[in-house]
Amino acid sequence: MERLDYDVLLFDLDGTLTASAPGMLGGVHHVCREMGLEIPPDDILQQFIGPPMTTCFSVHFGLEGETLAQATRSYRAYYDRQGWMENGVFDGIFHMLTELRACGKRLGVATNKSMQDMTKITEHFGLAPYFDFMSGSDKSVGRQGKANVIAYALENLGVRDNSRVVMIGDRKYDVEGAAEKGIAAIGVAYGYGSRAELRNAGAIHVVETPMELCAILK
């Protein structure tokens, strides 16, 4: 099996560490019911996992201005109440993280989720202790978009050589954000993006399971 030699491993959260679709899509259904919008088909709903939710409501429903703000507030109310708990850690993740730390790898999180949501989820589901640093978005300081949360993680991990870092995620946004910061990306096909999406975005490798990911990085 091919081995990839990196010292610092950055992980996306939704679709890479956790199976977050039920809570996120439950929030979209809630918005549609509350605002009288037609619920999109499943293939479109899958596209709501990865980008910022405001972008999704704008692109897929054509919302703008106060209507867009209303949809975002409605989603946030649902997610804060219950959506974040409608989640779970993928099988094999804890074992993989344990093995990678035992090999001396430094582990980080880089997610488009807010710092508040990321912290709440990783602590509740027992993921937080495995990571040296966790980076999320923060509108108050202008830190939004995958490339920016990756940059914040690299800074706080004290990375001096980006060639020793790899981003691991399930959507093209992870791969493209990594490329903006000059780092490679590995795709995980067990998440919410397809193998083709990840390859087309420039992933250097795509794995089917956390155990396969562990095997190529140890």
Protein backbone atom coordinates (compact mmCIF):
# COMPACT_ATOMS: atom_id res chain seq x y z
CA MET A 1 0.00 0.00 0.00
CA GLU A 2 1.18 3.51 -0.86
CA ARG A 3 2.54 5.48 2.09
CA LEU A 4 2.32 9.27 2.34
CA ASP A 5 4.82 11.03 4.58
CA TYR A 6 3.39 14.06 6.43
CA ASP A 7 4.04 15.38 9.92
CA VAL A 8 0.96 17.57 10.43
CA LEU A 9 -2.52 16.28 9.56
CA LEU A 10 -5.45 18.71 9.31
CA PHE A 11 -8.95 17.21 9.38
CA ASP A 12 -12.23 18.64 8.22
CA LEU A 13 -15.07 18.00 10.70
CA ASP A 14 -18.39 17.42 8.89
CA GLY A 15 -18.22 14.34 6.68
CA THR A 16 -14.65 13.54 7.68
CA LEU A 17 -14.71 13.02 11.44
CA THR A 18 -18.46 13.14 12.04
CA ALA A 19 -21.59 12.04 10.20
CA SER A 20 -23.29 15.42 10.49
CA ALA A 21 -25.87 15.17 7.70
CA PRO A 22 -28.94 14.36 9.85
CA GLY A 23 -28.65 17.53 11.93
CA MET A 24 -27.67 19.84 9.08
CA LEU A 25 -30.30 18.59 6.66
CA GLY A 26 -32.88 18.54 9.44
CA GLY A 27 -32.16 22.23 9.76
CA VAL A 28 -32.71 22.78 6.03
CA HIS A 29 -36.04 20.90 6.20
CA HIS A 30 -37.03 23.09 9.14
CA VAL A 31 -36.26 26.27 7.18
CA CYS A 32 -38.25 25.04 4.18
CA ARG A 33 -41.30 24.23 6.32
CA GLU A 34 -41.12 27.52 8.20
CA MET A 35 -40.67 29.67 5.10
CA GLY A 36 -42.81 27.76 2.63
CA LEU A 37 -39.89 26.69 0.44
CA GLU A 38 -39.84 23.50 -1.59
CA ILE A 39 -37.52 20.89 -0.08
CA PRO A 40 -34.78 20.14 -2.65
CA PRO A 41 -34.15 16.59 -3.91
CA ASP A 42 -31.55 14.50 -2.11
CA ASP A 43 -28.74 15.18 -4.59
CA ILE A 44 -29.14 18.93 -4.05
CA LEU A 45 -29.47 18.57 -0.28
CA GLN A 46 -26.08 16.85 -0.18
CA GLN A 47 -24.57 20.06 -1.55
CA PHE A 48 -25.58 21.86 1.67
CA ILE A 49 -22.87 19.95 3.54
CA GLY A 50 -19.53 21.71 3.22
CA PRO A 51 -20.11 25.34 2.21
CA PRO A 52 -21.37 28.02 4.63
CA MET A 53 -25.13 27.64 5.04
CA THR A 54 -25.78 31.26 4.05
CA THR A 55 -24.14 30.53 0.70
CA CYS A 56 -26.29 27.44 0.25
CA PHE A 57 -29.55 29.30 0.91
CA SER A 58 -28.49 32.00 -1.52
CA VAL A 59 -27.37 29.65 -4.31
CA HIS A 60 -30.05 26.97 -4.09
CA PHE A 61 -33.09 29.06 -3.11
CA GLY A 62 -32.12 32.42 -4.59
CA LEU A 63 -32.63 34.15 -1.25
CA GLU A 64 -31.13 37.55 -0.53
CA GLY A 65 -31.40 40.45 1.87
CA GLU A 66 -33.76 40.03 4.83
CA THR A 67 -35.23 36.79 3.45
CA LEU A 68 -31.76 35.25 3.41
CA ALA A 69 -31.13 36.54 6.92
CA GLN A 70 -34.45 35.04 8.07
CA ALA A 71 -33.54 31.63 6.62
CA THR A 72 -30.15 31.74 8.28
CA ARG A 73 -31.69 32.63 11.65
CA SER A 74 -34.23 29.83 11.32
CA TYR A 75 -31.53 27.31 10.54
CA ARG A 76 -29.38 28.54 13.41
CA ALA A 77 -32.26 28.23 15.87
CA TYR A 78 -32.85 24.61 14.85
CA TYR A 79 -29.16 23.74 14.85
CA ASP A 80 -28.50 25.32 18.26
CA ARG A 81 -31.52 23.56 19.75
CA GLN A 82 -30.97 20.05 18.42
CA GLY A 83 -29.19 19.80 15.08
CA TRP A 84 -25.67 19.75 16.48
CA MET A 85 -26.50 16.66 18.55
CA GLU A 86 -28.03 14.82 15.57
CA ASN A 87 -24.53 13.73 14.75
CA GLY A 88 -22.08 10.93 15.38
CA VAL A 89 -18.44 9.98 14.92
CA PHE A 90 -17.73 7.71 11.94
CA ASP A 91 -16.72 4.15 12.78
CA GLY A 92 -12.95 3.78 13.05
CA ILE A 93 -12.19 7.46 13.71
CA PHE A 94 -11.11 7.10 17.33
CA HIS A 95 -8.85 4.16 16.54
CA MET A 96 -7.34 6.03 13.59
CA LEU A 97 -6.63 9.16 15.66
CA THR A 98 -5.10 7.08 18.44
CA GLU A 99 -2.79 5.30 16.00
CA LEU A 100 -1.71 8.49 14.25
CA ARG A 101 -0.90 10.25 17.53
CA ALA A 102 1.06 7.19 18.66
CA CYS A 103 3.17 7.55 15.50
CA GLY A 104 4.08 11.11 16.49
CA LYS A 105 1.79 12.92 14.05
CA ARG A 106 0.48 16.34 15.01
CA LEU A 107 -3.26 16.58 14.46
CA GLY A 108 -5.46 19.60 13.81
CA VAL A 109 -9.00 20.44 12.78
CA ALA A 110 -9.82 22.99 10.06
CA THR A 111 -13.56 23.42 9.54
CA ASN A 112 -15.95 26.00 8.12
CA LYS A 113 -18.06 25.52 11.24
CA SER A 114 -17.93 28.37 13.74
CA MET A 115 -15.44 28.09 16.57
CA GLN A 116 -18.39 27.79 18.97
CA ASP A 117 -20.06 24.93 17.10
CA MET A 118 -16.77 23.14 16.46
CA THR A 119 -15.79 23.29 20.12
CA LYS A 120 -19.20 22.16 21.33
CA ILE A 121 -19.30 19.19 18.93
CA THR A 122 -15.73 18.00 19.39
CA GLU A 123 -16.02 18.16 23.16
CA HIS A 124 -19.45 16.50 23.33
CA PHE A 125 -18.42 13.60 21.08
CA GLY A 126 -15.01 13.12 22.70
CA LEU A 127 -12.86 14.24 19.76
CA ALA A 128 -11.23 17.35 21.25
CA PRO A 129 -8.46 15.60 23.27
CA TYR A 130 -6.95 14.09 20.12
CA PHE A 131 -6.06 17.43 18.52
CA ASP A 132 -3.18 19.84 19.07
CA PHE A 133 -5.24 22.74 17.70
CA MET A 134 -8.72 23.19 16.24
CA SER A 135 -9.56 26.01 13.83
CA GLY A 136 -13.05 27.15 12.85
CA SER A 137 -14.59 30.19 11.24
CA ASP A 138 -15.09 33.44 13.13
CA LYS A 139 -16.99 36.24 11.40
CA SER A 140 -16.08 38.72 14.14
CA VAL A 141 -12.44 38.68 13.01
CA GLY A 142 -13.09 38.07 9.30
CA ARG A 143 -11.95 34.44 9.37
CA GLN A 144 -14.26 32.75 6.88
CA GLY A 145 -13.69 30.28 4.07
CA LYS A 146 -11.62 27.11 4.08
CA ALA A 147 -8.32 28.70 3.14
CA ASN A 148 -8.56 31.13 6.05
CA VAL A 149 -9.38 28.50 8.67
CA ILE A 150 -6.50 26.40 7.34
CA ALA A 151 -4.16 29.38 7.61
CA TYR A 152 -5.24 29.95 11.22
CA ALA A 153 -4.54 26.29 12.04
CA LEU A 154 -1.10 26.42 10.41
CA GLU A 155 -0.21 29.58 12.31
CA ASN A 156 -1.25 28.18 15.68
CA LEU A 157 0.45 24.84 15.05
CA GLY A 158 3.67 26.74 14.32
CA VAL A 159 4.06 25.20 10.86
CA ARG A 160 7.16 26.40 9.03
CA ASP A 161 7.13 24.01 6.07
CA ASN A 162 3.77 23.53 4.33
CA SER A 163 5.14 20.57 2.39
CA ARG A 164 4.96 18.58 5.64
CA VAL A 165 1.22 19.24 6.05
CA VAL A 166 -1.78 17.53 4.46
CA MET A 167 -5.47 18.48 4.61
CA ILE A 168 -7.98 15.64 4.89
CA GLY A 169 -11.59 16.22 3.88
CA ASP A 170 -14.64 14.95 2.03
CA ARG A 171 -15.52 17.87 -0.25
CA LYS A 172 -13.84 19.90 -2.97
CA TYR A 173 -13.78 22.92 -0.64
CA ASP A 174 -11.25 21.13 1.55
CA VAL A 175 -9.01 20.35 -1.41
CA GLU A 176 -9.29 23.81 -2.97
CA GLY A 177 -8.75 25.60 0.35
CA ALA A 178 -5.62 23.54 0.97
CA ALA A 179 -4.29 24.34 -2.50
CA GLU A 180 -4.71 28.08 -1.80
CA LYS A 181 -2.32 27.66 1.12
CA GLY A 182 0.13 25.49 -0.78
CA ILE A 183 -0.63 22.21 0.95
CA ALA A 184 -1.70 18.83 -0.41
CA ALA A 185 -5.08 17.23 0.30
CA ILE A 186 -6.37 13.69 0.75
CA GLY A 187 -10.03 12.99 0.06
CA VAL A 188 -12.26 10.66 2.07
CA ALA A 189 -14.93 8.95 -0.02
CA TYR A 190 -16.92 7.79 3.03
CA GLY A 191 -18.10 11.39 3.58
CA TYR A 192 -20.47 13.57 1.57
CA GLY A 193 -18.48 14.23 -1.60
CA SER A 194 -17.84 11.80 -4.42
CA ARG A 195 -14.52 10.28 -5.41
CA ALA A 196 -14.82 12.14 -8.74
CA GLU A 197 -15.41 15.48 -7.00
CA LEU A 198 -12.34 15.01 -4.83
CA ARG A 199 -10.09 13.84 -7.68
CA ASN A 200 -11.26 16.65 -9.97
CA ALA A 201 -10.50 19.20 -7.25
CA GLY A 202 -6.92 17.93 -7.05
CA ALA A 203 -6.81 15.46 -4.14
CA ILE A 204 -3.54 13.51 -4.26
CA HIS A 205 -5.25 10.38 -2.93
CA VAL A 206 -8.79 9.27 -2.05
CA VAL A 207 -9.50 6.69 0.66
CA GLU A 208 -12.62 4.63 1.36
CA THR A 209 -12.33 4.21 5.14
CA PRO A 210 -10.63 5.75 8.19
CA MET A 211 -8.54 2.60 8.50
CA GLU A 212 -7.23 3.01 4.95
CA LEU A 213 -6.39 6.63 5.77
CA CYS A 214 -4.55 5.51 8.88
CA ALA A 215 -2.59 2.90 6.94
CA ILE A 216 -1.25 5.33 4.34
CA LEU A 217 -0.30 8.01 6.89
CA LYS A 218 1.37 5.93 9.63
